[in-house]
Amino acid sequence: MGVNNPSVLTYFLYGKENYYLHNNYIELLAGTGIIGLLAYYSMYVYIAYNLIRYRNFHSNEYVMVLILFLSQIVMDMGMVSYESKSTYFYMMMFYLEVQLLRKGRKNEAQQVM
């Protein structure tokens, strides 16, 4: 099928309105299959892995990004977010935080040597 095709399918099945499946995981799974779901959520796995690897609970910035990241994952259960521009803005912010954490860890390692 493809992205956003479940709403097209429900339009043909139920009539005049487009319906969403109201769950980002299910919507992507129904539209793109397992490969599409894994491809989309691979960026979440990358961010989660690096947020855990370079964790810094003493940084308010890190804690804020971690809370936003976890809330994004939970909110995907109740809304379709792959169409929203804010999702990709947040993902960019999470990615930049990971890069800052990585750079900070690299600088700490160089100072120790």
N, C-alpha and C. Protein backbone atom coordinates (compact mmCIF):
# COMPACT_ATOMS: atom_id res chain seq x y z
N MET A 1 0.84 -1.18 0.00
CA MET A 1 0.00 0.00 0.00
C MET A 1 0.89 1.24 0.00
N GLY A 2 1.12 1.85 1.15
CA GLY A 2 1.94 3.05 1.24
C GLY A 2 1.48 3.94 2.37
N VAL A 3 2.27 4.96 2.62
CA VAL A 3 1.97 5.92 3.68
C VAL A 3 0.64 6.61 3.36
N ASN A 4 -0.20 6.73 4.35
CA ASN A 4 -1.51 7.39 4.29
C ASN A 4 -2.55 6.60 3.51
N ASN A 5 -2.25 5.43 3.03
CA ASN A 5 -3.23 4.64 2.30
C ASN A 5 -4.32 4.03 3.18
N PRO A 6 -4.08 3.76 4.47
CA PRO A 6 -5.20 3.28 5.28
C PRO A 6 -6.38 4.25 5.30
N SER A 7 -6.11 5.57 5.27
CA SER A 7 -7.22 6.53 5.26
C SER A 7 -7.96 6.48 3.92
N VAL A 8 -7.23 6.26 2.83
CA VAL A 8 -7.87 6.13 1.52
C VAL A 8 -8.72 4.86 1.48
N LEU A 9 -8.19 3.78 2.03
CA LEU A 9 -8.94 2.52 2.07
C LEU A 9 -10.21 2.65 2.89
N THR A 10 -10.12 3.30 4.05
CA THR A 10 -11.32 3.48 4.87
C THR A 10 -12.32 4.41 4.19
N TYR A 11 -11.84 5.34 3.37
CA TYR A 11 -12.75 6.20 2.61
C TYR A 11 -13.60 5.37 1.65
N PHE A 12 -12.96 4.43 0.97
CA PHE A 12 -13.70 3.58 0.04
C PHE A 12 -14.59 2.58 0.76
N LEU A 13 -14.19 2.14 1.95
CA LEU A 13 -15.00 1.16 2.69
C LEU A 13 -16.18 1.80 3.40
N TYR A 14 -15.98 3.00 3.99
CA TYR A 14 -16.99 3.57 4.87
C TYR A 14 -17.68 4.80 4.32
N GLY A 15 -17.29 5.26 3.17
CA GLY A 15 -18.05 6.35 2.57
C GLY A 15 -17.32 7.68 2.49
N LYS A 16 -18.00 8.73 2.88
CA LYS A 16 -17.61 10.09 2.56
C LYS A 16 -16.45 10.65 3.40
N GLU A 17 -16.03 9.98 4.41
CA GLU A 17 -15.00 10.54 5.30
C GLU A 17 -13.74 9.69 5.29
N ASN A 18 -12.59 10.38 5.46
CA ASN A 18 -11.33 9.67 5.67
C ASN A 18 -11.19 9.38 7.16
N TYR A 19 -10.80 8.19 7.50
CA TYR A 19 -10.58 7.83 8.89
C TYR A 19 -9.12 7.49 9.10
N TYR A 20 -8.62 7.86 10.24
CA TYR A 20 -7.27 7.47 10.63
C TYR A 20 -7.38 6.35 11.65
N LEU A 21 -6.32 5.60 11.79
CA LEU A 21 -6.32 4.50 12.75
C LEU A 21 -5.97 4.96 14.16
N HIS A 22 -5.66 6.26 14.33
CA HIS A 22 -5.41 6.90 15.62
C HIS A 22 -4.30 6.26 16.42
N ASN A 23 -3.34 5.71 15.75
CA ASN A 23 -2.18 5.13 16.39
C ASN A 23 -1.08 5.10 15.34
N ASN A 24 -0.01 5.81 15.59
CA ASN A 24 1.06 5.93 14.60
C ASN A 24 1.66 4.57 14.25
N TYR A 25 1.81 3.72 15.26
CA TYR A 25 2.39 2.40 15.03
C TYR A 25 1.51 1.57 14.09
N ILE A 26 0.22 1.53 14.38
CA ILE A 26 -0.71 0.74 13.59
C ILE A 26 -0.89 1.34 12.20
N GLU A 27 -0.96 2.68 12.12
CA GLU A 27 -1.11 3.35 10.83
C GLU A 27 0.06 3.04 9.90
N LEU A 28 1.28 3.12 10.43
CA LEU A 28 2.46 2.81 9.61
C LEU A 28 2.52 1.33 9.27
N LEU A 29 2.18 0.49 10.22
CA LEU A 29 2.19 -0.95 9.97
C LEU A 29 1.17 -1.33 8.89
N ALA A 30 -0.01 -0.73 8.95
CA ALA A 30 -1.05 -1.03 7.96
C ALA A 30 -0.70 -0.45 6.59
N GLY A 31 -0.04 0.70 6.57
CA GLY A 31 0.25 1.35 5.30
C GLY A 31 1.54 0.89 4.64
N THR A 32 2.57 0.65 5.43
CA THR A 32 3.88 0.36 4.85
C THR A 32 4.42 -1.01 5.20
N GLY A 33 3.76 -1.71 6.11
CA GLY A 33 4.22 -3.04 6.51
C GLY A 33 5.34 -2.97 7.54
N ILE A 34 5.89 -4.11 7.83
CA ILE A 34 6.94 -4.20 8.84
C ILE A 34 8.19 -3.43 8.41
N ILE A 35 8.53 -3.51 7.13
CA ILE A 35 9.74 -2.82 6.65
C ILE A 35 9.59 -1.31 6.79
N GLY A 36 8.45 -0.76 6.44
CA GLY A 36 8.22 0.67 6.58
C GLY A 36 8.20 1.11 8.03
N LEU A 37 7.58 0.30 8.88
CA LEU A 37 7.55 0.62 10.31
C LEU A 37 8.96 0.63 10.88
N LEU A 38 9.75 -0.37 10.55
CA LEU A 38 11.13 -0.44 11.04
C LEU A 38 11.97 0.70 10.48
N ALA A 39 11.77 1.04 9.23
CA ALA A 39 12.53 2.14 8.62
C ALA A 39 12.20 3.46 9.32
N TYR A 40 10.92 3.71 9.57
CA TYR A 40 10.52 4.95 10.23
C TYR A 40 11.03 5.01 11.66
N TYR A 41 10.86 3.93 12.41
CA TYR A 41 11.24 3.96 13.82
C TYR A 41 12.73 3.68 14.04
N SER A 42 13.48 3.45 12.99
CA SER A 42 14.93 3.29 13.16
C SER A 42 15.55 4.59 13.65
N MET A 43 14.99 5.74 13.26
CA MET A 43 15.52 7.00 13.78
C MET A 43 15.23 7.14 15.27
N TYR A 44 14.12 6.63 15.73
CA TYR A 44 13.82 6.65 17.16
C TYR A 44 14.78 5.72 17.92
N VAL A 45 15.07 4.58 17.34
CA VAL A 45 16.01 3.64 17.97
C VAL A 45 17.39 4.27 18.07
N TYR A 46 17.82 4.95 17.00
CA TYR A 46 19.13 5.63 17.00
C TYR A 46 19.18 6.69 18.11
N ILE A 47 18.15 7.50 18.20
CA ILE A 47 18.10 8.55 19.22
C ILE A 47 18.07 7.93 20.61
N ALA A 48 17.23 6.92 20.83
CA ALA A 48 17.12 6.29 22.15
C ALA A 48 18.46 5.67 22.57
N TYR A 49 19.10 4.96 21.66
CA TYR A 49 20.38 4.33 21.96
C TYR A 49 21.42 5.38 22.38
N ASN A 50 21.49 6.47 21.64
CA ASN A 50 22.49 7.49 21.95
C ASN A 50 22.13 8.32 23.17
N LEU A 51 20.84 8.54 23.42
CA LEU A 51 20.46 9.24 24.65
C LEU A 51 20.82 8.40 25.87
N ILE A 52 20.71 7.11 25.77
CA ILE A 52 21.10 6.24 26.89
C ILE A 52 22.61 6.17 26.98
N ARG A 53 23.27 6.05 25.86
CA ARG A 53 24.74 5.90 25.86
C ARG A 53 25.45 7.14 26.40
N TYR A 54 24.99 8.32 26.01
CA TYR A 54 25.64 9.57 26.41
C TYR A 54 24.84 10.31 27.47
N ARG A 55 24.16 9.60 28.32
CA ARG A 55 23.28 10.23 29.30
C ARG A 55 24.06 11.18 30.22
N ASN A 56 23.35 12.26 30.59
CA ASN A 56 23.91 13.26 31.49
C ASN A 56 22.75 13.87 32.27
N PHE A 57 22.37 13.22 33.35
CA PHE A 57 21.21 13.66 34.12
C PHE A 57 21.46 14.95 34.87
N HIS A 58 22.69 15.43 34.89
CA HIS A 58 23.00 16.69 35.56
C HIS A 58 22.72 17.89 34.65
N SER A 59 22.47 17.64 33.39
CA SER A 59 22.18 18.70 32.42
C SER A 59 20.67 18.87 32.29
N ASN A 60 20.19 20.07 32.54
CA ASN A 60 18.76 20.35 32.38
C ASN A 60 18.32 20.17 30.94
N GLU A 61 19.19 20.52 30.01
CA GLU A 61 18.90 20.36 28.58
C GLU A 61 18.67 18.89 28.24
N TYR A 62 19.52 18.01 28.76
CA TYR A 62 19.39 16.58 28.50
C TYR A 62 18.07 16.05 29.07
N VAL A 63 17.75 16.44 30.28
CA VAL A 63 16.52 15.96 30.93
C VAL A 63 15.29 16.42 30.15
N MET A 64 15.31 17.68 29.67
CA MET A 64 14.19 18.20 28.90
C MET A 64 14.03 17.41 27.60
N VAL A 65 15.13 17.17 26.90
CA VAL A 65 15.08 16.42 25.65
C VAL A 65 14.62 14.99 25.89
N LEU A 66 15.09 14.37 26.96
CA LEU A 66 14.68 13.01 27.29
C LEU A 66 13.18 12.93 27.56
N ILE A 67 12.65 13.89 28.31
CA ILE A 67 11.21 13.92 28.60
C ILE A 67 10.41 14.13 27.32
N LEU A 68 10.86 15.05 26.46
CA LEU A 68 10.16 15.26 25.19
C LEU A 68 10.21 14.02 24.31
N PHE A 69 11.35 13.35 24.28
CA PHE A 69 11.49 12.14 23.48
C PHE A 69 10.55 11.04 23.97
N LEU A 70 10.54 10.81 25.26
CA LEU A 70 9.66 9.78 25.82
C LEU A 70 8.19 10.12 25.61
N SER A 71 7.84 11.40 25.76
CA SER A 71 6.45 11.79 25.53
C SER A 71 6.06 11.63 24.07
N GLN A 72 7.00 11.86 23.15
CA GLN A 72 6.73 11.66 21.72
C GLN A 72 6.41 10.19 21.44
N ILE A 73 7.17 9.30 22.06
CA ILE A 73 6.93 7.86 21.86
C ILE A 73 5.57 7.45 22.41
N VAL A 74 5.21 7.98 23.58
CA VAL A 74 3.92 7.65 24.18
C VAL A 74 2.77 8.26 23.37
N MET A 75 2.94 9.50 22.90
CA MET A 75 1.87 10.15 22.14
C MET A 75 1.61 9.46 20.81
N ASP A 76 2.60 8.76 20.27
CA ASP A 76 2.39 8.04 19.02
C ASP A 76 1.36 6.93 19.16
N MET A 77 1.05 6.53 20.39
CA MET A 77 0.02 5.52 20.60
C MET A 77 -1.38 6.09 20.41
N GLY A 78 -1.52 7.41 20.53
CA GLY A 78 -2.85 8.00 20.45
C GLY A 78 -3.04 8.97 19.31
N MET A 79 -2.04 9.13 18.45
CA MET A 79 -2.19 10.05 17.32
C MET A 79 -1.30 9.60 16.17
N VAL A 80 -1.63 10.04 14.99
CA VAL A 80 -0.81 9.76 13.82
C VAL A 80 0.12 10.95 13.65
N SER A 81 1.41 10.73 13.91
CA SER A 81 2.34 11.86 13.94
C SER A 81 3.30 11.91 12.76
N TYR A 82 3.31 10.91 11.90
CA TYR A 82 4.29 10.93 10.81
C TYR A 82 4.00 12.03 9.80
N GLU A 83 2.79 12.58 9.78
CA GLU A 83 2.45 13.66 8.86
C GLU A 83 2.77 15.04 9.44
N SER A 84 2.98 15.13 10.73
CA SER A 84 3.15 16.40 11.41
C SER A 84 4.57 16.95 11.25
N LYS A 85 4.67 18.21 10.94
CA LYS A 85 5.98 18.86 10.82
C LYS A 85 6.66 18.97 12.18
N SER A 86 5.88 19.08 13.23
CA SER A 86 6.48 19.19 14.56
C SER A 86 7.24 17.92 14.95
N THR A 87 6.80 16.78 14.46
CA THR A 87 7.50 15.53 14.73
C THR A 87 8.93 15.60 14.23
N TYR A 88 9.10 16.10 13.03
CA TYR A 88 10.44 16.17 12.44
C TYR A 88 11.27 17.29 13.04
N PHE A 89 10.61 18.34 13.51
CA PHE A 89 11.32 19.38 14.25
C PHE A 89 11.88 18.81 15.55
N TYR A 90 11.05 18.06 16.27
CA TYR A 90 11.51 17.43 17.51
C TYR A 90 12.62 16.42 17.25
N MET A 91 12.47 15.65 16.17
CA MET A 91 13.53 14.68 15.85
C MET A 91 14.85 15.38 15.55
N MET A 92 14.79 16.54 14.89
CA MET A 92 16.00 17.31 14.63
C MET A 92 16.60 17.79 15.95
N MET A 93 15.74 18.25 16.87
CA MET A 93 16.22 18.70 18.17
C MET A 93 16.85 17.54 18.95
N PHE A 94 16.23 16.37 18.91
CA PHE A 94 16.80 15.21 19.59
C PHE A 94 18.14 14.83 18.99
N TYR A 95 18.24 14.87 17.67
CA TYR A 95 19.48 14.54 16.98
C TYR A 95 20.59 15.53 17.36
N LEU A 96 20.26 16.81 17.39
CA LEU A 96 21.26 17.81 17.76
C LEU A 96 21.73 17.62 19.20
N GLU A 97 20.83 17.26 20.08
CA GLU A 97 21.21 16.99 21.47
C GLU A 97 22.16 15.80 21.55
N VAL A 98 21.88 14.77 20.78
CA VAL A 98 22.76 13.60 20.76
C VAL A 98 24.14 14.00 20.26
N GLN A 99 24.19 14.84 19.23
CA GLN A 99 25.49 15.27 18.71
C GLN A 99 26.25 16.11 19.74
N LEU A 100 25.54 16.96 20.47
CA LEU A 100 26.19 17.74 21.53
C LEU A 100 26.70 16.85 22.65
N LEU A 101 25.92 15.85 23.02
CA LEU A 101 26.35 14.91 24.05
C LEU A 101 27.57 14.13 23.59
N ARG A 102 27.57 13.70 22.34
CA ARG A 102 28.70 12.95 21.78
C ARG A 102 29.96 13.82 21.77
N LYS A 103 29.81 15.07 21.35
CA LYS A 103 30.94 15.99 21.31
C LYS A 103 31.48 16.25 22.72
N GLY A 104 30.58 16.42 23.68
CA GLY A 104 31.00 16.63 25.06
C GLY A 104 31.74 15.43 25.62
N ARG A 105 31.27 14.24 25.31
CA ARG A 105 31.93 13.02 25.78
C ARG A 105 33.31 12.88 25.14
N LYS A 106 33.41 13.23 23.86
CA LYS A 106 34.69 13.16 23.16
C LYS A 106 35.69 14.15 23.76
N ASN A 107 35.22 15.36 24.08
CA ASN A 107 36.09 16.37 24.69
C ASN A 107 36.57 15.93 26.07
N GLU A 108 35.69 15.30 26.85
CA GLU A 108 36.06 14.79 28.17
C GLU A 108 37.14 13.72 28.04
N ALA A 109 36.98 12.85 27.06
CA ALA A 109 37.95 11.78 26.86
C ALA A 109 39.31 12.33 26.43
N GLN A 110 39.31 13.39 25.64
CA GLN A 110 40.57 13.98 25.20
C GLN A 110 41.26 14.71 26.35
N GLN A 111 40.50 15.31 27.26
CA GLN A 111 41.08 16.02 28.40
C GLN A 111 41.71 15.06 29.39
N VAL A 112 41.15 13.85 29.49
CA VAL A 112 41.69 12.87 30.40
C VAL A 112 43.05 12.38 29.92
N MET A 113 43.21 12.25 28.61
CA MET A 113 44.47 11.78 28.05
C MET A 113 45.46 12.86 28.17
